[in-house]
Amino acid sequence: MQFIAYILIYPFLLLISILPFRLLYVLSDLIYVLIYKVFGYRKKVVIENLNLVFPEKSKHEINKITKAFYHHLCDLIVESIKSMTISETQIANRMILTNIEEIHRAEKANKSIVLMMAHYGNWEWTFILQKDMNHINYAIYKRIENKHFDRLIKRIRAKYNSYLITTKETISILTQSKEKGELTINGFASDQTPKLNKAHHWNNFMGIKVPLHTGAEMLAKKLDMSVMYLGIKKIKRGFYEATLTNLADNARDFNNYEITDAFLKLVEQQINEAPEYYLWTHKRWKHRDKVPE
């Protein structure tokens, strides 16, 4: 059944992927009409999240952010599909890392890196940044249920020496890399909600106390890695800038959760500057009423 779904859907994805960008964004506008105006995909969740974190904003302001978010979400969908066939030149012109010297500095110090990211801008295109680095890149992800689409996503990432690994594989793979003397960059989307039984740290995120993922920080301490934040700015439709912010040269020098809290502050700053580029469809604040006493 998984294979049948794959062979039925894959040709449509491939067709979308080879569209020129001008037509790709025409398609994005059509998808916007469907998921926002016709089906209202997760609209209730989006509006609830926005009202929760921006109580000072008027209904008109919330609606404006909501519409802008759905336009961006549709762009993100077609851009992710475009990754299947996009050329290195095209994507390199559309996702620019402004300060690659931060990576080279860690290289000279013989340090592997934990790269903390948020679901902001276009995180799917960040794999192209690997082309200018000597570190091996691993992105920690949740395996797709359909094994054929899972392999497809892995193939796309691997084009630029970037590999997807699951949370369960992370410790063993990265420990082996360290033992071999390999330098790695390890990407974590650390802004999501952990399971309550795995929540070790709570703090305010956008003014609301929630459990926080601390795995990235703990891994950096365990394997003596540097920690950086990758902020993504949308310059215009289809064009992004990524900038690294150093959070810790030596993670072990910091108190527990200090790095995680610093990461969240940077995410908050980006959200406040341009909230429409954050992924509001996720129930990020669903555990806010379960704060431990």
C-alpha atoms as a PDB file:
ATOM      1  CA  MET A   1       0.000   0.000   0.000  1.00  0.00           C
ATOM      2  CA  GLN A   2       2.866   2.378   0.827  1.00  0.00           C
ATOM      3  CA  PHE A   3       4.481   1.695  -2.539  1.00  0.00           C
ATOM      4  CA  ILE A   4       1.208   2.269  -4.396  1.00  0.00           C
ATOM      5  CA  ALA A   5       0.777   5.622  -2.669  1.00  0.00           C
ATOM      6  CA  TYR A   6       4.349   6.492  -3.578  1.00  0.00           C
ATOM      7  CA  ILE A   7       4.085   5.642  -7.287  1.00  0.00           C
ATOM      8  CA  LEU A   8       0.791   7.533  -7.537  1.00  0.00           C
ATOM      9  CA  ILE A   9       1.990  10.695  -5.799  1.00  0.00           C
ATOM     10  CA  TYR A  10       5.642  10.827  -6.868  1.00  0.00           C
ATOM     11  CA  PRO A  11       4.963  11.792 -10.552  1.00  0.00           C
ATOM     12  CA  PHE A  12       2.897  14.793  -9.415  1.00  0.00           C
ATOM     13  CA  LEU A  13       5.634  15.913  -7.030  1.00  0.00           C
ATOM     14  CA  LEU A  14       8.223  15.559  -9.780  1.00  0.00           C
ATOM     15  CA  LEU A  15       6.073  17.577 -12.176  1.00  0.00           C
ATOM     16  CA  ILE A  16       5.700  20.364  -9.624  1.00  0.00           C
ATOM     17  CA  SER A  17       9.416  20.236  -8.916  1.00  0.00           C
ATOM     18  CA  ILE A  18      10.434  20.967 -12.517  1.00  0.00           C
ATOM     19  CA  LEU A  19       8.185  24.017 -12.813  1.00  0.00           C
ATOM     20  CA  PRO A  20      10.024  27.331 -13.206  1.00  0.00           C
ATOM     21  CA  PHE A  21       9.781  29.512 -10.127  1.00  0.00           C
ATOM     22  CA  ARG A  22       7.306  31.914 -11.737  1.00  0.00           C
ATOM     23  CA  LEU A  23       4.809  29.076 -12.246  1.00  0.00           C
ATOM     24  CA  LEU A  24       5.715  27.493  -8.941  1.00  0.00           C
ATOM     25  CA  TYR A  25       4.446  30.554  -7.105  1.00  0.00           C
ATOM     26  CA  VAL A  26       1.307  30.690  -9.220  1.00  0.00           C
ATOM     27  CA  LEU A  27       0.667  27.170  -7.933  1.00  0.00           C
ATOM     28  CA  SER A  28       1.409  28.355  -4.392  1.00  0.00           C
ATOM     29  CA  ASP A  29      -1.270  31.032  -4.735  1.00  0.00           C
ATOM     30  CA  LEU A  30      -3.766  28.396  -5.870  1.00  0.00           C
ATOM     31  CA  ILE A  31      -2.879  26.146  -2.929  1.00  0.00           C
ATOM     32  CA  TYR A  32      -3.405  29.137  -0.628  1.00  0.00           C
ATOM     33  CA  VAL A  33      -6.997  29.471  -1.833  1.00  0.00           C
ATOM     34  CA  LEU A  34      -7.593  25.783  -1.136  1.00  0.00           C
ATOM     35  CA  ILE A  35      -5.983  25.355   2.282  1.00  0.00           C
ATOM     36  CA  TYR A  36      -6.878  28.770   3.718  1.00  0.00           C
ATOM     37  CA  LYS A  37     -10.138  29.838   2.125  1.00  0.00           C
ATOM     38  CA  VAL A  38     -11.745  26.511   1.165  1.00  0.00           C
ATOM     39  CA  PHE A  39     -10.567  23.951   3.734  1.00  0.00           C
ATOM     40  CA  GLY A  40      -9.286  26.264   6.484  1.00  0.00           C
ATOM     41  CA  TYR A  41      -6.432  23.867   7.279  1.00  0.00           C
ATOM     42  CA  ARG A  42      -5.677  24.250  11.006  1.00  0.00           C
ATOM     43  CA  LYS A  43      -6.955  27.827  10.897  1.00  0.00           C
ATOM     44  CA  LYS A  44      -8.440  27.511  14.382  1.00  0.00           C
ATOM     45  CA  VAL A  45      -5.076  26.387  15.793  1.00  0.00           C
ATOM     46  CA  VAL A  46      -3.221  29.217  14.038  1.00  0.00           C
ATOM     47  CA  ILE A  47      -5.595  31.923  15.278  1.00  0.00           C
ATOM     48  CA  GLU A  48      -5.613  30.496  18.815  1.00  0.00           C
ATOM     49  CA  ASN A  49      -1.800  30.471  18.878  1.00  0.00           C
ATOM     50  CA  LEU A  50      -1.559  34.030  17.587  1.00  0.00           C
ATOM     51  CA  ASN A  51      -4.144  35.360  20.050  1.00  0.00           C
ATOM     52  CA  LEU A  52      -2.327  33.552  22.848  1.00  0.00           C
ATOM     53  CA  VAL A  53       1.117  35.031  22.204  1.00  0.00           C
ATOM     54  CA  PHE A  54      -0.041  38.432  20.920  1.00  0.00           C
ATOM     55  CA  PRO A  55      -2.897  39.395  23.273  1.00  0.00           C
ATOM     56  CA  GLU A  56      -2.239  43.067  22.592  1.00  0.00           C
ATOM     57  CA  LYS A  57      -2.967  42.770  18.857  1.00  0.00           C
ATOM     58  CA  SER A  58      -6.361  43.591  17.382  1.00  0.00           C
ATOM     59  CA  LYS A  59      -8.504  41.128  15.458  1.00  0.00           C
ATOM     60  CA  HIS A  60      -7.541  42.934  12.246  1.00  0.00           C
ATOM     61  CA  GLU A  61      -3.817  42.545  13.033  1.00  0.00           C
ATOM     62  CA  ILE A  62      -4.237  38.841  13.861  1.00  0.00           C
ATOM     63  CA  ASN A  63      -6.130  38.250  10.611  1.00  0.00           C
ATOM     64  CA  LYS A  64      -3.418  40.047   8.647  1.00  0.00           C
ATOM     65  CA  ILE A  65      -0.673  37.881  10.187  1.00  0.00           C
ATOM     66  CA  THR A  66      -2.784  34.761   9.608  1.00  0.00           C
ATOM     67  CA  LYS A  67      -3.214  35.434   5.900  1.00  0.00           C
ATOM     68  CA  ALA A  68       0.477  36.286   5.484  1.00  0.00           C
ATOM     69  CA  PHE A  69       1.407  33.074   7.324  1.00  0.00           C
ATOM     70  CA  TYR A  70      -0.711  30.897   5.020  1.00  0.00           C
ATOM     71  CA  HIS A  71       0.820  32.539   1.956  1.00  0.00           C
ATOM     72  CA  HIS A  72       4.262  31.733   3.347  1.00  0.00           C
ATOM     73  CA  LEU A  73       3.222  28.193   4.292  1.00  0.00           C
ATOM     74  CA  CYS A  74       2.133  27.528   0.706  1.00  0.00           C
ATOM     75  CA  ASP A  75       5.430  28.917  -0.571  1.00  0.00           C
ATOM     76  CA  LEU A  76       7.231  26.602   1.836  1.00  0.00           C
ATOM     77  CA  ILE A  77       5.286  23.604   0.536  1.00  0.00           C
ATOM     78  CA  VAL A  78       6.170  24.219  -3.120  1.00  0.00           C
ATOM     79  CA  GLU A  79       9.756  25.191  -2.293  1.00  0.00           C
ATOM     80  CA  SER A  80      10.197  21.929  -0.397  1.00  0.00           C
ATOM     81  CA  ILE A  81       8.936  20.003  -3.419  1.00  0.00           C
ATOM     82  CA  LYS A  82      11.253  22.052  -5.639  1.00  0.00           C
ATOM     83  CA  SER A  83      14.168  20.590  -3.645  1.00  0.00           C
ATOM     84  CA  MET A  84      13.776  17.376  -5.648  1.00  0.00           C
ATOM     85  CA  THR A  85      15.240  18.888  -8.827  1.00  0.00           C
ATOM     86  CA  ILE A  86      16.537  22.354  -7.986  1.00  0.00           C
ATOM     87  CA  SER A  87      20.072  22.981  -9.240  1.00  0.00           C
ATOM     88  CA  GLU A  88      22.916  23.857  -6.909  1.00  0.00           C
ATOM     89  CA  THR A  89      23.252  27.266  -8.561  1.00  0.00           C
ATOM     90  CA  GLN A  90      19.577  28.070  -8.098  1.00  0.00           C
ATOM     91  CA  ILE A  91      19.375  27.123  -4.459  1.00  0.00           C
ATOM     92  CA  ALA A  92      22.745  28.674  -3.615  1.00  0.00           C
ATOM     93  CA  ASN A  93      21.437  31.999  -4.939  1.00  0.00           C
ATOM     94  CA  ARG A  94      18.248  31.673  -2.911  1.00  0.00           C
ATOM     95  CA  MET A  95      19.620  30.497   0.462  1.00  0.00           C
ATOM     96  CA  ILE A  96      22.698  32.480   1.438  1.00  0.00           C
ATOM     97  CA  LEU A  97      24.739  32.009   4.600  1.00  0.00           C
ATOM     98  CA  THR A  98      25.992  35.443   5.622  1.00  0.00           C
ATOM     99  CA  ASN A  99      28.789  34.413   7.996  1.00  0.00           C
ATOM    100  CA  ILE A 100      30.350  31.089   6.968  1.00  0.00           C
ATOM    101  CA  GLU A 101      33.448  32.182   8.909  1.00  0.00           C
ATOM    102  CA  GLU A 102      31.748  30.987  12.124  1.00  0.00           C
ATOM    103  CA  ILE A 103      31.868  27.427  10.788  1.00  0.00           C
ATOM    104  CA  HIS A 104      35.465  27.808   9.680  1.00  0.00           C
ATOM    105  CA  ARG A 105      36.373  29.117  13.135  1.00  0.00           C
ATOM    106  CA  ALA A 106      34.955  25.968  14.726  1.00  0.00           C
ATOM    107  CA  GLU A 107      36.797  23.906  12.134  1.00  0.00           C
ATOM    108  CA  LYS A 108      40.119  25.440  13.125  1.00  0.00           C
ATOM    109  CA  ALA A 109      39.315  24.706  16.759  1.00  0.00           C
ATOM    110  CA  ASN A 110      38.576  21.084  15.797  1.00  0.00           C
ATOM    111  CA  LYS A 111      35.053  21.397  17.177  1.00  0.00           C
ATOM    112  CA  SER A 112      31.871  19.708  16.051  1.00  0.00           C
ATOM    113  CA  ILE A 113      28.725  21.835  16.207  1.00  0.00           C
ATOM    114  CA  VAL A 114      25.194  21.505  17.475  1.00  0.00           C
ATOM    115  CA  LEU A 115      23.097  23.740  15.239  1.00  0.00           C
ATOM    116  CA  MET A 116      19.875  24.834  16.917  1.00  0.00           C
ATOM    117  CA  MET A 117      17.097  25.961  14.611  1.00  0.00           C
ATOM    118  CA  ALA A 118      13.434  26.910  14.683  1.00  0.00           C
ATOM    119  CA  HIS A 119      10.588  26.178  12.301  1.00  0.00           C
ATOM    120  CA  TYR A 120      10.970  29.632  10.848  1.00  0.00           C
ATOM    121  CA  GLY A 121      11.499  30.854   7.285  1.00  0.00           C
ATOM    122  CA  ASN A 122      12.528  27.974   5.040  1.00  0.00           C
ATOM    123  CA  TRP A 123      14.417  25.468   7.158  1.00  0.00           C
ATOM    124  CA  GLU A 124      14.021  22.842   4.405  1.00  0.00           C
ATOM    125  CA  TRP A 125      16.526  24.574   2.118  1.00  0.00           C
ATOM    126  CA  THR A 126      19.286  24.817   4.701  1.00  0.00           C
ATOM    127  CA  PHE A 127      20.881  21.578   3.465  1.00  0.00           C
ATOM    128  CA  ILE A 128      22.503  23.584   0.634  1.00  0.00           C
ATOM    129  CA  LEU A 129      24.627  25.437   3.194  1.00  0.00           C
ATOM    130  CA  GLN A 130      26.642  22.248   3.614  1.00  0.00           C
ATOM    131  CA  LYS A 131      28.327  22.756   0.239  1.00  0.00           C
ATOM    132  CA  ASP A 132      30.765  25.300   1.737  1.00  0.00           C
ATOM    133  CA  MET A 133      31.607  23.264   4.833  1.00  0.00           C
ATOM    134  CA  ASN A 134      33.979  20.424   5.578  1.00  0.00           C
ATOM    135  CA  HIS A 135      31.935  19.173   8.522  1.00  0.00           C
ATOM    136  CA  ILE A 136      29.649  16.198   7.896  1.00  0.00           C
ATOM    137  CA  ASN A 137      26.063  17.351   8.319  1.00  0.00           C
ATOM    138  CA  TYR A 138      23.419  15.415  10.224  1.00  0.00           C
ATOM    139  CA  ALA A 139      19.845  16.602  10.672  1.00  0.00           C
ATOM    140  CA  ILE A 140      17.831  14.976  13.418  1.00  0.00           C
ATOM    141  CA  TYR A 141      14.327  14.215  12.191  1.00  0.00           C
ATOM    142  CA  LYS A 142      11.218  12.106  12.729  1.00  0.00           C
ATOM    143  CA  ARG A 143      11.083   9.231  10.265  1.00  0.00           C
ATOM    144  CA  ILE A 144       8.264   9.420   7.693  1.00  0.00           C
ATOM    145  CA  GLU A 145       5.827   6.529   8.012  1.00  0.00           C
ATOM    146  CA  ASN A 146       5.928   5.761   4.275  1.00  0.00           C
ATOM    147  CA  LYS A 147       9.388   4.230   3.835  1.00  0.00           C
ATOM    148  CA  HIS A 148       9.538   5.157   0.136  1.00  0.00           C
ATOM    149  CA  PHE A 149       8.981   8.872   0.781  1.00  0.00           C
ATOM    150  CA  ASP A 150      11.383   8.612   3.695  1.00  0.00           C
ATOM    151  CA  ARG A 151      14.103   7.358   1.328  1.00  0.00           C
ATOM    152  CA  LEU A 152      13.249  10.150  -1.125  1.00  0.00           C
ATOM    153  CA  ILE A 153      13.778  12.836   1.527  1.00  0.00           C
ATOM    154  CA  LYS A 154      17.079  11.241   2.524  1.00  0.00           C
ATOM    155  CA  ARG A 155      18.265  11.204  -1.117  1.00  0.00           C
ATOM    156  CA  ILE A 156      17.482  14.902  -1.507  1.00  0.00           C
ATOM    157  CA  ARG A 157      19.471  15.761   1.606  1.00  0.00           C
ATOM    158  CA  ALA A 158      22.402  13.541   0.692  1.00  0.00           C
ATOM    159  CA  LYS A 159      23.118  15.518  -2.502  1.00  0.00           C
ATOM    160  CA  TYR A 160      25.160  17.966  -0.430  1.00  0.00           C
ATOM    161  CA  ASN A 161      26.725  15.648   2.138  1.00  0.00           C
ATOM    162  CA  SER A 162      23.812  16.099   4.518  1.00  0.00           C
ATOM    163  CA  TYR A 163      22.179  13.119   6.194  1.00  0.00           C
ATOM    164  CA  LEU A 164      18.993  12.539   8.157  1.00  0.00           C
ATOM    165  CA  ILE A 165      19.124  10.512  11.353  1.00  0.00           C
ATOM    166  CA  THR A 166      16.433   9.735  13.899  1.00  0.00           C
ATOM    167  CA  THR A 167      16.561  10.738  17.553  1.00  0.00           C
ATOM    168  CA  LYS A 168      17.228   7.121  18.543  1.00  0.00           C
ATOM    169  CA  GLU A 169      20.241   6.946  16.205  1.00  0.00           C
ATOM    170  CA  THR A 170      21.760  10.260  17.237  1.00  0.00           C
ATOM    171  CA  ILE A 171      23.892   9.302  20.227  1.00  0.00           C
ATOM    172  CA  SER A 172      25.394   6.164  18.676  1.00  0.00           C
ATOM    173  CA  ILE A 173      26.146   7.728  15.266  1.00  0.00           C
ATOM    174  CA  LEU A 174      27.659  10.920  16.668  1.00  0.00           C
ATOM    175  CA  THR A 175      29.670   9.062  19.291  1.00  0.00           C
ATOM    176  CA  GLN A 176      31.145   6.896  16.524  1.00  0.00           C
ATOM    177  CA  SER A 177      31.936  10.012  14.480  1.00  0.00           C
ATOM    178  CA  LYS A 178      33.732  11.563  17.431  1.00  0.00           C
ATOM    179  CA  GLU A 179      35.761   8.385  17.968  1.00  0.00           C
ATOM    180  CA  LYS A 180      36.777   8.497  14.288  1.00  0.00           C
ATOM    181  CA  GLY A 181      37.877  12.122  14.655  1.00  0.00           C
ATOM    182  CA  GLU A 182      35.191  13.396  12.265  1.00  0.00           C
ATOM    183  CA  LEU A 183      33.801  16.922  12.542  1.00  0.00           C
ATOM    184  CA  THR A 184      30.028  17.088  12.363  1.00  0.00           C
ATOM    185  CA  ILE A 185      27.305  19.726  12.258  1.00  0.00           C
ATOM    186  CA  ASN A 186      24.127  18.433  13.847  1.00  0.00           C
ATOM    187  CA  GLY A 187      20.889  20.252  13.162  1.00  0.00           C
ATOM    188  CA  PHE A 188      18.078  20.266  15.719  1.00  0.00           C
ATOM    189  CA  ALA A 189      14.699  21.975  15.316  1.00  0.00           C
ATOM    190  CA  SER A 190      14.465  22.654  19.039  1.00  0.00           C
ATOM    191  CA  ASP A 191      11.341  24.814  19.199  1.00  0.00           C
ATOM    192  CA  GLN A 192       8.783  21.995  19.259  1.00  0.00           C
ATOM    193  CA  THR A 193       6.923  20.580  22.255  1.00  0.00           C
ATOM    194  CA  PRO A 194       8.503  17.600  24.028  1.00  0.00           C
ATOM    195  CA  LYS A 195       6.392  14.830  25.517  1.00  0.00           C
ATOM    196  CA  LEU A 196       5.439  15.680  29.085  1.00  0.00           C
ATOM    197  CA  ASN A 197       7.154  12.571  30.476  1.00  0.00           C
ATOM    198  CA  LYS A 198      10.395  13.749  28.832  1.00  0.00           C
ATOM    199  CA  ALA A 199      10.134  17.398  29.900  1.00  0.00           C
ATOM    200  CA  HIS A 200      13.057  18.294  32.160  1.00  0.00           C
ATOM    201  CA  HIS A 201      12.942  22.066  31.832  1.00  0.00           C
ATOM    202  CA  TRP A 202      10.183  24.676  31.640  1.00  0.00           C
ATOM    203  CA  ASN A 203      10.515  28.359  30.770  1.00  0.00           C
ATOM    204  CA  ASN A 204       8.671  31.178  29.085  1.00  0.00           C
ATOM    205  CA  PHE A 205       8.375  31.097  25.311  1.00  0.00           C
ATOM    206  CA  MET A 206       6.581  34.123  23.877  1.00  0.00           C
ATOM    207  CA  GLY A 207       5.473  34.964  27.411  1.00  0.00           C
ATOM    208  CA  ILE A 208       3.961  31.556  28.176  1.00  0.00           C
ATOM    209  CA  LYS A 209       5.557  28.893  30.370  1.00  0.00           C
ATOM    210  CA  VAL A 210       6.014  25.652  28.445  1.00  0.00           C
ATOM    211  CA  PRO A 211       8.249  22.560  28.483  1.00  0.00           C
ATOM    212  CA  LEU A 212      11.352  22.882  26.315  1.00  0.00           C
ATOM    213  CA  HIS A 213      13.413  20.419  24.308  1.00  0.00           C
ATOM    214  CA  THR A 214      16.851  20.195  25.904  1.00  0.00           C
ATOM    215  CA  GLY A 215      18.328  17.337  23.866  1.00  0.00           C
ATOM    216  CA  ALA A 216      20.481  19.575  21.661  1.00  0.00           C
ATOM    217  CA  GLU A 217      22.145  21.224  24.636  1.00  0.00           C
ATOM    218  CA  MET A 218      22.658  17.925  26.471  1.00  0.00           C
ATOM    219  CA  LEU A 219      24.217  16.330  23.376  1.00  0.00           C
ATOM    220  CA  ALA A 220      26.610  19.259  23.001  1.00  0.00           C
ATOM    221  CA  LYS A 221      27.725  18.812  26.598  1.00  0.00           C
ATOM    222  CA  LYS A 222      28.036  15.049  26.342  1.00  0.00           C
ATOM    223  CA  LEU A 223      30.207  15.166  23.199  1.00  0.00           C
ATOM    224  CA  ASP A 224      31.967  18.488  23.882  1.00  0.00           C
ATOM    225  CA  MET A 225      30.531  20.427  20.932  1.00  0.00           C
ATOM    226  CA  SER A 226      30.078  24.094  20.167  1.00  0.00           C
ATOM    227  CA  VAL A 227      26.513  25.399  19.878  1.00  0.00           C
ATOM    228  CA  MET A 228      25.203  27.841  17.280  1.00  0.00           C
ATOM    229  CA  TYR A 229      21.814  29.216  16.334  1.00  0.00           C
ATOM    230  CA  LEU A 230      20.858  29.386  12.669  1.00  0.00           C
ATOM    231  CA  GLY A 231      18.439  32.235  12.097  1.00  0.00           C
ATOM    232  CA  ILE A 232      16.684  32.414   8.729  1.00  0.00           C
ATOM    233  CA  LYS A 233      15.375  35.677   7.301  1.00  0.00           C
ATOM    234  CA  LYS A 234      13.006  35.824   4.345  1.00  0.00           C
ATOM    235  CA  ILE A 235      14.290  38.585   2.074  1.00  0.00           C
ATOM    236  CA  LYS A 236      11.545  38.249  -0.509  1.00  0.00           C
ATOM    237  CA  ARG A 237       9.547  35.463  -2.088  1.00  0.00           C
ATOM    238  CA  GLY A 238      11.874  32.522  -2.683  1.00  0.00           C
ATOM    239  CA  PHE A 239      14.980  34.211  -1.248  1.00  0.00           C
ATOM    240  CA  TYR A 240      16.429  33.724   2.235  1.00  0.00           C
ATOM    241  CA  GLU A 241      19.441  34.684   4.321  1.00  0.00           C
ATOM    242  CA  ALA A 242      20.782  32.451   7.074  1.00  0.00           C
ATOM    243  CA  THR A 243      22.934  33.874   9.858  1.00  0.00           C
ATOM    244  CA  LEU A 244      24.796  32.004  12.583  1.00  0.00           C
ATOM    245  CA  THR A 245      24.838  33.231  16.166  1.00  0.00           C
ATOM    246  CA  ASN A 246      27.370  31.652  18.488  1.00  0.00           C
ATOM    247  CA  LEU A 247      25.736  30.376  21.670  1.00  0.00           C
ATOM    248  CA  ALA A 248      28.635  28.457  23.198  1.00  0.00           C
ATOM    249  CA  ASP A 249      32.172  27.618  22.120  1.00  0.00           C
ATOM    250  CA  ASN A 250      32.327  25.067  24.919  1.00  0.00           C
ATOM    251  CA  ALA A 251      28.883  23.886  25.993  1.00  0.00           C
ATOM    252  CA  ARG A 252      30.247  22.295  29.168  1.00  0.00           C
ATOM    253  CA  ASP A 253      31.129  25.742  30.519  1.00  0.00           C
ATOM    254  CA  PHE A 254      27.432  26.656  30.819  1.00  0.00           C
ATOM    255  CA  ASN A 255      24.872  25.815  33.474  1.00  0.00           C
ATOM    256  CA  ASN A 256      22.193  23.327  32.466  1.00  0.00           C
ATOM    257  CA  TYR A 257      19.464  24.849  30.272  1.00  0.00           C
ATOM    258  CA  GLU A 258      21.276  28.180  29.935  1.00  0.00           C
ATOM    259  CA  ILE A 259      21.977  27.512  26.248  1.00  0.00           C
ATOM    260  CA  THR A 260      18.413  26.327  25.594  1.00  0.00           C
ATOM    261  CA  ASP A 261      17.009  29.507  27.135  1.00  0.00           C
ATOM    262  CA  ALA A 262      19.350  31.675  25.048  1.00  0.00           C
ATOM    263  CA  PHE A 263      18.199  29.838  21.911  1.00  0.00           C
ATOM    264  CA  LEU A 264      14.532  30.495  22.719  1.00  0.00           C
ATOM    265  CA  LYS A 265      15.227  34.211  23.177  1.00  0.00           C
ATOM    266  CA  LEU A 266      16.639  34.392  19.645  1.00  0.00           C
ATOM    267  CA  VAL A 267      13.614  32.556  18.264  1.00  0.00           C
ATOM    268  CA  GLU A 268      11.314  34.989  20.075  1.00  0.00           C
ATOM    269  CA  GLN A 269      13.200  37.910  18.573  1.00  0.00           C
ATOM    270  CA  GLN A 270      12.662  36.591  15.047  1.00  0.00           C
ATOM    271  CA  ILE A 271       8.996  35.883  15.674  1.00  0.00           C
ATOM    272  CA  ASN A 272       8.387  39.364  17.021  1.00  0.00           C
ATOM    273  CA  GLU A 273      10.114  40.937  14.025  1.00  0.00           C
ATOM    274  CA  ALA A 274       8.123  38.970  11.393  1.00  0.00           C
ATOM    275  CA  PRO A 275       5.585  36.556  12.951  1.00  0.00           C
ATOM    276  CA  GLU A 276       4.168  35.413   9.612  1.00  0.00           C
ATOM    277  CA  TYR A 277       7.225  33.236   8.923  1.00  0.00           C
ATOM    278  CA  TYR A 278       6.861  31.016  12.006  1.00  0.00           C
ATOM    279  CA  LEU A 279       5.079  27.644  11.851  1.00  0.00           C
ATOM    280  CA  TRP A 280       1.846  28.468  13.692  1.00  0.00           C
ATOM    281  CA  THR A 281       0.012  25.270  12.711  1.00  0.00           C
ATOM    282  CA  HIS A 282       1.711  23.271  15.481  1.00  0.00           C
ATOM    283  CA  LYS A 283       0.226  23.225  18.988  1.00  0.00           C
ATOM    284  CA  ARG A 284       3.398  24.614  20.526  1.00  0.00           C
ATOM    285  CA  TRP A 285       1.703  25.844  23.716  1.00  0.00           C
ATOM    286  CA  LYS A 286      -0.627  22.898  24.354  1.00  0.00           C
ATOM    287  CA  HIS A 287       1.006  21.998  27.701  1.00  0.00           C
ATOM    288  CA  ARG A 288       0.835  25.506  29.156  1.00  0.00           C
ATOM    289  CA  ASP A 289      -1.770  24.464  31.745  1.00  0.00           C
ATOM    290  CA  LYS A 290       0.355  21.558  33.015  1.00  0.00           C
ATOM    291  CA  VAL A 291       3.214  23.533  34.579  1.00  0.00           C
ATOM    292  CA  PRO A 292       4.670  21.434  37.435  1.00  0.00           C
ATOM    293  CA  GLU A 293       4.370  22.937  40.891  1.00  0.00           C
END
